[in-house]
Amino acid sequence: MKIGILTHYDVNNQGAQLQLYAMRAWLMEHGHDACILSYTKNFDFDKNEEKKNSGSFLNFKYYIEEYLIKRGLGLTLFNTRKMITHRRLRSSIEMQPYDNNDCDAIIIGSDEVYSIDVGCNKMMYGNGLQGKPAIAYAPAFGRTTIDLLKQYNCYDTVKTGLDSMYALSARDTHTQEMIKEITGKDVPLVCDPVLLYSGEGFKSNASPIRKDYMIVYSYDANMNEGHEVKAIQEYARKHKLTTVSLGTYHKWCDRNIVCNAIDWYGYFRNAKCVITDTFHGTVVAMKNHCNVAVYIRKSINSFKMQSLLESTGTQDRLLDDIKFDSLEQVLGKQIDYATVGRHIRNMAEDSEKYLLKALGGIHE
């Protein structure tokens, strides 16, 4: 069958890009054709975010003020290069409109496709898909709650769409509980596509880093507090590691590397250790058996991060704060990747059964 993937495809984010490639690779391994479904993202609730994501010369003044003046030339140039790098890799994949395509079925997910942080995208809940069967694979509501859906008058749109979908699943317990309350359905938890897919097709062409290095993976706006920077640099000095900000810009790191999502994945393989406060940073570290320390920022990702650590049995990788002593304590412990690997394999097997059953039902 030909499957359309409806996800956050046009974002300047390593994890969002990687989960897209992982889902496409898994589908192709199982004999399907796959394409990206394009759409215009809704920004009704955050017009500044719309300006930031537009790439339009009409918003030139905004880019000058928000990037060059407030954030500096280094970050601006870095993110421009990153955007071009992502688009270059993505251009090799077929793309069709979500509401006018020749697909037999549509997979919605993964990532926070159900979030209404910036606006309500009706197609993500199964609305307006030409009547084609839609499978939700590992979607997440992020910080969105029932109260927020009602506050922004989105509840009925979400419910109508979810009720119409061929198959539903969730990436974390918060999303699972939300779907149960909205639809009355008990849906399975499935793992992120990066955990589902073996990773064998992720062939990196990145130039190797010759020195022992520590990966720092956090969004540009985070991990810049003075005490956090000091702690990471002190740990790196003690252990004679080069600090590498991989795919995001942190001027205090020894190196800032622009790379596409596949090369980003590859760099983790040889890292001596990783510190991250992101979901996909944690996922990729686990997939590559890295010595990882995880910090949860409750304001942005607590639901999905807690669920990930619990499901993989890695709660002991959690930092109470980004301090030197905490880094020494967490990174000084060995990770039992034989056990973690079993957890991931079990999650992947259950997730694959869900997806194969749904796709098989549509095919029949």
Protein backbone atom coordinates (compact mmCIF):
# COMPACT_ATOMS: atom_id res chain seq x y z
CA MET A 1 0.00 0.00 0.00
CA LYS A 2 0.95 3.62 -0.29
CA ILE A 3 1.02 5.31 3.11
CA GLY A 4 1.01 9.03 3.78
CA ILE A 5 2.82 10.20 6.91
CA LEU A 6 1.18 13.19 8.58
CA THR A 7 3.53 14.67 11.16
CA HIS A 8 5.54 17.79 12.01
CA TYR A 9 7.76 17.50 8.95
CA ASP A 10 8.76 21.13 8.35
CA VAL A 11 10.38 21.97 11.67
CA ASN A 12 14.00 22.80 12.44
CA ASN A 13 14.32 20.02 14.99
CA GLN A 14 16.53 16.91 14.92
CA GLY A 15 14.15 14.61 16.80
CA ALA A 16 11.08 15.53 14.77
CA GLN A 17 13.00 14.88 11.56
CA LEU A 18 14.43 11.57 12.78
CA GLN A 19 11.09 10.09 13.84
CA LEU A 20 9.76 10.87 10.36
CA TYR A 21 12.65 9.04 8.66
CA ALA A 22 12.30 6.13 11.10
CA MET A 23 8.60 5.69 10.33
CA ARG A 24 9.23 5.89 6.58
CA ALA A 25 12.09 3.37 6.84
CA TRP A 26 9.95 0.94 8.85
CA LEU A 27 7.09 1.15 6.34
CA MET A 28 9.42 0.55 3.41
CA GLU A 29 11.02 -2.42 5.17
CA HIS A 30 7.51 -3.91 5.41
CA GLY A 31 6.81 -3.53 1.71
CA HIS A 32 4.92 -0.24 1.66
CA ASP A 33 5.54 2.95 -0.26
CA ALA A 34 5.56 6.09 1.88
CA CYS A 35 5.37 9.82 1.33
CA ILE A 36 5.15 12.96 3.46
CA LEU A 37 1.79 14.72 3.62
CA SER A 38 2.13 18.49 3.54
CA TYR A 39 -0.13 21.05 5.20
CA THR A 40 -0.18 24.65 6.35
CA LYS A 41 0.32 24.72 10.09
CA ASN A 42 -2.18 26.65 12.19
CA PHE A 43 -0.73 29.37 14.45
CA ASP A 44 -3.97 31.00 15.69
CA PHE A 45 -2.80 30.92 19.30
CA ASP A 46 0.76 32.17 18.79
CA LYS A 47 1.35 34.67 15.98
CA ASN A 48 4.99 35.20 16.96
CA GLU A 49 5.60 31.50 16.38
CA GLU A 50 3.97 31.89 12.96
CA LYS A 51 6.42 34.66 12.08
CA LYS A 52 9.33 32.58 13.29
CA ASN A 53 8.33 29.61 11.13
CA SER A 54 7.23 31.48 8.01
CA GLY A 55 10.62 32.01 6.34
CA SER A 56 9.03 34.97 4.56
CA PHE A 57 10.78 38.21 3.61
CA LEU A 58 7.61 39.95 4.87
CA ASN A 59 8.82 39.11 8.37
CA PHE A 60 12.37 40.33 7.78
CA LYS A 61 12.05 42.92 10.57
CA TYR A 62 11.01 40.18 13.01
CA TYR A 63 14.05 38.05 12.15
CA ILE A 64 16.40 41.01 12.59
CA GLU A 65 14.95 41.88 16.00
CA GLU A 66 14.39 38.39 17.40
CA TYR A 67 17.47 36.66 16.04
CA LEU A 68 20.30 38.96 15.04
CA ILE A 69 19.72 41.50 17.83
CA LYS A 70 18.39 39.38 20.69
CA ARG A 71 20.09 36.05 20.01
CA GLY A 72 23.18 36.98 18.06
CA LEU A 73 24.74 36.30 14.69
CA GLY A 74 26.18 32.91 15.66
CA LEU A 75 22.82 31.33 16.49
CA THR A 76 21.13 32.94 13.48
CA LEU A 77 23.69 31.59 11.03
CA PHE A 78 23.70 28.17 12.72
CA ASN A 79 19.91 27.78 12.49
CA THR A 80 19.85 29.01 8.91
CA ARG A 81 22.40 26.37 7.93
CA LYS A 82 20.48 23.75 9.91
CA MET A 83 17.21 24.58 8.12
CA ILE A 84 18.90 24.24 4.72
CA THR A 85 20.49 20.94 5.77
CA HIS A 86 17.15 19.49 6.90
CA ARG A 87 15.38 20.57 3.73
CA ARG A 88 18.11 19.13 1.52
CA LEU A 89 17.71 15.68 3.07
CA ARG A 90 13.90 15.89 3.09
CA SER A 91 13.77 16.91 -0.58
CA SER A 92 14.57 13.33 -1.59
CA ILE A 93 11.20 12.14 -0.21
CA GLU A 94 7.95 12.41 -2.18
CA MET A 95 5.51 14.97 -0.77
CA GLN A 96 1.76 15.34 -1.40
CA PRO A 97 -0.99 17.52 0.16
CA TYR A 98 -2.81 15.92 3.09
CA ASP A 99 -6.22 16.65 1.49
CA ASN A 100 -5.36 15.67 -2.09
CA ASN A 101 -3.15 12.61 -2.45
CA ASP A 102 -3.13 9.09 -3.90
CA CYS A 103 -2.40 7.29 -0.62
CA ASP A 104 -4.32 4.20 0.50
CA ALA A 105 -4.03 5.06 4.19
CA ILE A 106 -2.58 7.72 6.45
CA ILE A 107 -0.43 7.42 9.56
CA ILE A 108 -0.71 10.38 11.92
CA GLY A 109 2.26 10.79 14.23
CA SER A 110 4.43 10.55 16.01
CA ASP A 111 5.50 13.49 18.19
CA GLU A 112 3.28 16.17 19.71
CA VAL A 113 0.85 16.26 16.79
CA TYR A 114 -2.11 16.59 19.19
CA SER A 115 -0.71 19.63 20.99
CA ILE A 116 -2.51 22.98 20.60
CA ASP A 117 0.35 25.09 21.97
CA VAL A 118 0.34 27.32 18.89
CA GLY A 119 -2.90 26.38 17.16
CA CYS A 120 -5.36 23.60 16.33
CA ASN A 121 -4.46 21.55 13.26
CA LYS A 122 -7.69 19.67 12.50
CA MET A 123 -6.09 17.16 10.13
CA MET A 124 -3.91 15.77 12.92
CA TYR A 125 -7.02 14.38 14.63
CA GLY A 126 -8.29 12.71 11.43
CA ASN A 127 -10.42 15.52 10.01
CA GLY A 128 -10.46 16.41 6.29
CA LEU A 129 -8.54 13.36 5.02
CA GLN A 130 -10.78 12.55 2.02
CA GLY A 131 -12.38 9.73 3.97
CA LYS A 132 -9.14 7.72 3.93
CA PRO A 133 -8.48 5.42 6.88
CA ALA A 134 -6.18 7.04 9.43
CA ILE A 135 -3.98 5.30 12.00
CA ALA A 136 -2.67 7.26 14.96
CA TYR A 137 0.86 6.08 15.72
CA ALA A 138 2.45 7.36 18.94
CA PRO A 139 0.81 10.81 18.97
CA ALA A 140 1.22 13.03 22.02
CA PHE A 141 -0.77 15.91 23.45
CA GLY A 142 2.32 17.43 25.06
CA ARG A 143 1.18 19.98 27.66
CA THR A 144 -2.34 20.18 26.20
CA THR A 145 -5.12 19.24 28.63
CA ILE A 146 -8.89 18.78 28.35
CA ASP A 147 -9.40 22.16 29.98
CA LEU A 148 -7.14 23.79 27.40
CA LEU A 149 -9.02 22.15 24.52
CA LYS A 150 -12.28 23.53 25.89
CA GLN A 151 -10.79 26.94 26.65
CA TYR A 152 -9.74 27.35 23.01
CA ASN A 153 -12.97 25.80 21.65
CA CYS A 154 -11.10 22.87 20.12
CA TYR A 155 -12.68 20.01 22.05
CA ASP A 156 -15.43 19.19 19.54
CA THR A 157 -13.00 19.28 16.60
CA VAL A 158 -10.64 16.91 18.40
CA LYS A 159 -13.42 14.54 19.49
CA THR A 160 -15.05 14.36 16.05
CA GLY A 161 -11.71 13.55 14.45
CA LEU A 162 -10.55 10.97 16.99
CA ASP A 163 -13.93 9.22 16.91
CA SER A 164 -13.58 8.80 13.14
CA MET A 165 -10.09 7.30 13.09
CA TYR A 166 -9.47 3.71 12.04
CA ALA A 167 -7.02 2.98 14.86
CA LEU A 168 -5.82 4.95 17.87
CA SER A 169 -2.73 4.69 20.05
CA ALA A 170 -0.68 6.98 22.31
CA ARG A 171 3.00 7.64 22.99
CA ASP A 172 2.63 8.42 26.71
CA THR A 173 0.22 7.86 29.57
CA HIS A 174 -1.01 11.48 29.57
CA THR A 175 -2.11 11.14 25.93
CA GLN A 176 -3.58 7.70 26.63
CA GLU A 177 -5.70 9.14 29.45
CA MET A 178 -6.75 12.11 27.30
CA ILE A 179 -7.95 9.83 24.47
CA LYS A 180 -9.87 7.68 26.98
CA GLU A 181 -11.65 10.74 28.39
CA ILE A 182 -12.46 12.15 24.94
CA THR A 183 -13.48 8.97 23.10
CA GLY A 184 -14.18 6.44 25.84
CA LYS A 185 -11.67 4.09 24.18
CA ASP A 186 -8.81 2.27 25.85
CA VAL A 187 -5.89 2.62 23.46
CA PRO A 188 -2.45 0.97 23.55
CA LEU A 189 0.79 2.70 24.38
CA VAL A 190 3.25 2.39 21.50
CA CYS A 191 6.85 3.50 21.27
CA ASP A 192 8.35 6.32 19.24
CA PRO A 193 9.27 5.30 15.65
CA VAL A 194 12.96 5.74 16.50
CA LEU A 195 12.55 2.94 19.06
CA LEU A 196 10.36 0.90 16.70
CA TYR A 197 12.84 1.01 13.81
CA SER A 198 16.11 -0.90 14.05
CA GLY A 199 18.19 2.03 12.82
CA GLU A 200 20.07 -0.14 10.32
CA GLY A 201 19.25 2.19 7.44
CA PHE A 202 20.59 5.27 9.20
CA LYS A 203 23.90 5.52 7.36
CA SER A 204 25.82 8.55 8.59
CA ASN A 205 28.21 10.48 6.34
CA ALA A 206 29.33 12.81 9.11
CA SER A 207 32.98 13.64 9.59
CA PRO A 208 34.22 11.88 12.74
CA ILE A 209 35.23 13.83 15.84
CA ARG A 210 38.85 12.94 16.59
CA LYS A 211 38.79 13.75 20.31
CA ASP A 212 36.81 12.12 23.12
CA TYR A 213 33.58 14.08 23.35
CA MET A 214 30.49 14.72 25.41
CA ILE A 215 27.25 15.48 23.54
CA VAL A 216 25.14 18.34 24.83
CA TYR A 217 21.67 18.16 23.31
CA SER A 218 19.18 20.80 24.40
CA TYR A 219 17.12 23.38 22.56
CA ASP A 220 18.94 26.66 21.91
CA ALA A 221 17.05 28.51 24.64
CA ASN A 222 17.86 25.93 27.34
CA MET A 223 20.98 24.76 29.15
CA ASN A 224 22.41 28.27 29.21
CA GLU A 225 21.99 29.10 32.90
CA GLY A 226 25.29 29.97 34.52
CA HIS A 227 25.29 27.13 37.06
CA GLU A 228 24.34 24.57 34.37
CA VAL A 229 27.09 25.68 32.01
CA LYS A 230 29.66 25.72 34.82
CA ALA A 231 28.71 22.19 35.93
CA ILE A 232 28.92 20.70 32.44
CA GLN A 233 32.21 22.41 31.65
CA GLU A 234 33.70 21.30 34.98
CA TYR A 235 32.67 17.71 34.33
CA ALA A 236 34.09 17.81 30.80
CA ARG A 237 37.42 19.26 32.00
CA LYS A 238 37.79 16.64 34.70
CA HIS A 239 37.17 13.81 32.24
CA LYS A 240 39.11 15.46 29.37
CA LEU A 241 36.12 15.65 27.06
CA THR A 242 35.30 18.08 24.27
CA THR A 243 31.81 19.52 24.68
CA VAL A 244 29.81 19.20 21.45
CA SER A 245 26.46 20.90 20.96
CA LEU A 246 24.97 18.67 18.33
CA GLY A 247 22.27 20.10 16.07
CA THR A 248 21.55 23.04 18.36
CA TYR A 249 23.60 26.13 19.17
CA HIS A 250 25.28 26.75 22.52
CA LYS A 251 28.10 29.24 22.18
CA TRP A 252 29.71 28.07 25.41
CA CYS A 253 30.40 24.59 23.97
CA ASP A 254 33.74 23.75 22.37
CA ARG A 255 32.03 22.79 19.12
CA ASN A 256 28.63 23.46 17.55
CA ILE A 257 27.86 21.05 14.72
CA VAL A 258 25.22 21.53 12.03
CA CYS A 259 24.01 18.17 10.76
CA ASN A 260 20.95 16.43 9.35
CA ALA A 261 18.97 14.00 11.48
CA ILE A 262 20.71 10.88 10.14
CA ASP A 263 24.20 12.23 10.85
CA TRP A 264 22.96 13.48 14.22
CA TYR A 265 22.01 9.90 15.10
CA GLY A 266 25.43 8.69 13.97
CA TYR A 267 27.38 11.06 16.21
CA PHE A 268 25.84 9.46 19.31
CA ARG A 269 27.50 6.15 18.53
CA ASN A 270 30.98 7.31 19.57
CA ALA A 271 30.14 9.78 22.32
CA LYS A 272 31.71 9.12 25.72
CA CYS A 273 28.61 10.51 27.40
CA VAL A 274 25.46 12.55 26.72
CA ILE A 275 23.57 15.15 28.70
CA THR A 276 20.11 16.05 27.41
CA ASP A 277 16.79 17.49 28.49
CA THR A 278 14.89 16.33 25.40
CA PHE A 279 12.82 13.28 24.55
CA HIS A 280 14.58 12.32 21.33
CA GLY A 281 18.00 13.09 22.76
CA THR A 282 17.23 10.47 25.42
CA VAL A 283 15.80 8.00 22.89
CA VAL A 284 18.82 8.21 20.55
CA ALA A 285 21.25 7.94 23.48
CA MET A 286 19.50 4.73 24.55
CA LYS A 287 19.46 3.33 21.03
CA ASN A 288 23.22 3.86 20.81
CA HIS A 289 23.93 2.55 24.32
CA CYS A 290 25.32 5.89 25.48
CA ASN A 291 26.20 6.84 29.03
CA VAL A 292 23.40 9.39 29.39
CA ALA A 293 22.22 11.85 32.04
CA VAL A 294 18.69 13.24 31.64
CA TYR A 295 17.20 16.42 33.05
CA ILE A 296 13.44 16.96 32.89
CA ARG A 297 12.22 20.52 32.45
CA LYS A 298 8.70 20.37 33.82
CA SER A 299 7.65 23.39 31.79
CA ILE A 300 8.11 21.69 28.42
CA ASN A 301 8.25 17.89 28.42
CA SER A 302 7.55 16.24 31.77
CA PHE A 303 4.74 13.88 30.66
CA LYS A 304 6.57 12.17 27.82
CA MET A 305 9.97 12.15 29.52
CA GLN A 306 8.69 10.51 32.69
CA SER A 307 6.81 7.93 30.63
CA LEU A 308 9.93 7.13 28.58
CA LEU A 309 12.18 6.64 31.60
CA GLU A 310 9.61 4.48 33.38
CA SER A 311 8.94 2.27 30.37
CA THR A 312 12.67 1.65 29.79
CA GLY A 313 13.59 1.25 33.47
CA THR A 314 16.06 4.12 33.37
CA GLN A 315 14.75 6.40 36.13
CA ASP A 316 18.22 6.33 37.71
CA ARG A 317 19.55 8.42 34.77
CA LEU A 318 17.50 11.38 35.98
CA LEU A 319 19.32 14.46 37.28
CA ASP A 320 17.73 16.36 40.15
CA ASP A 321 19.50 19.44 38.82
CA ILE A 322 22.34 20.10 36.39
CA LYS A 323 25.13 20.24 38.96
CA PHE A 324 28.64 18.81 38.90
CA ASP A 325 27.95 16.37 41.76
CA SER A 326 24.75 15.17 40.07
CA LEU A 327 26.56 14.61 36.78
CA GLU A 328 29.30 12.67 38.57
CA GLN A 329 26.73 10.54 40.36
CA VAL A 330 24.56 9.69 37.34
CA LEU A 331 27.29 9.35 34.72
CA GLY A 332 29.44 7.43 37.16
CA LYS A 333 26.93 4.56 37.15
CA GLN A 334 26.86 1.85 34.51
CA ILE A 335 23.67 1.36 32.51
CA ASP A 336 22.42 -2.21 32.23
CA TYR A 337 21.72 -2.01 28.51
CA ALA A 338 20.89 -5.71 28.35
CA THR A 339 17.83 -4.98 30.50
CA VAL A 340 17.08 -1.65 28.83
CA GLY A 341 17.34 -3.36 25.45
CA ARG A 342 14.79 -5.99 26.49
CA HIS A 343 12.38 -3.24 27.55
CA ILE A 344 12.82 -1.50 24.20
CA ARG A 345 12.44 -4.74 22.22
CA ASN A 346 9.24 -5.60 24.11
CA MET A 347 7.87 -2.11 23.45
CA ALA A 348 8.83 -2.35 19.78
CA GLU A 349 7.26 -5.81 19.38
CA ASP A 350 3.95 -4.68 20.93
CA SER A 351 4.01 -1.51 18.83
CA GLU A 352 4.72 -3.45 15.65
CA LYS A 353 1.79 -5.79 16.34
CA TYR A 354 -0.52 -2.77 16.67
CA LEU A 355 0.72 -1.21 13.44
CA LEU A 356 0.73 -4.46 11.42
CA LYS A 357 -2.80 -5.28 12.59
CA ALA A 358 -4.10 -1.84 11.65
CA LEU A 359 -2.38 -1.83 8.24
CA GLY A 360 -3.48 -5.41 7.60
CA GLY A 361 -7.09 -4.57 8.39
CA ILE A 362 -7.04 -1.65 5.96
CA HIS A 363 -5.45 -3.79 3.25
CA GLU A 364 -8.09 -6.49 3.62
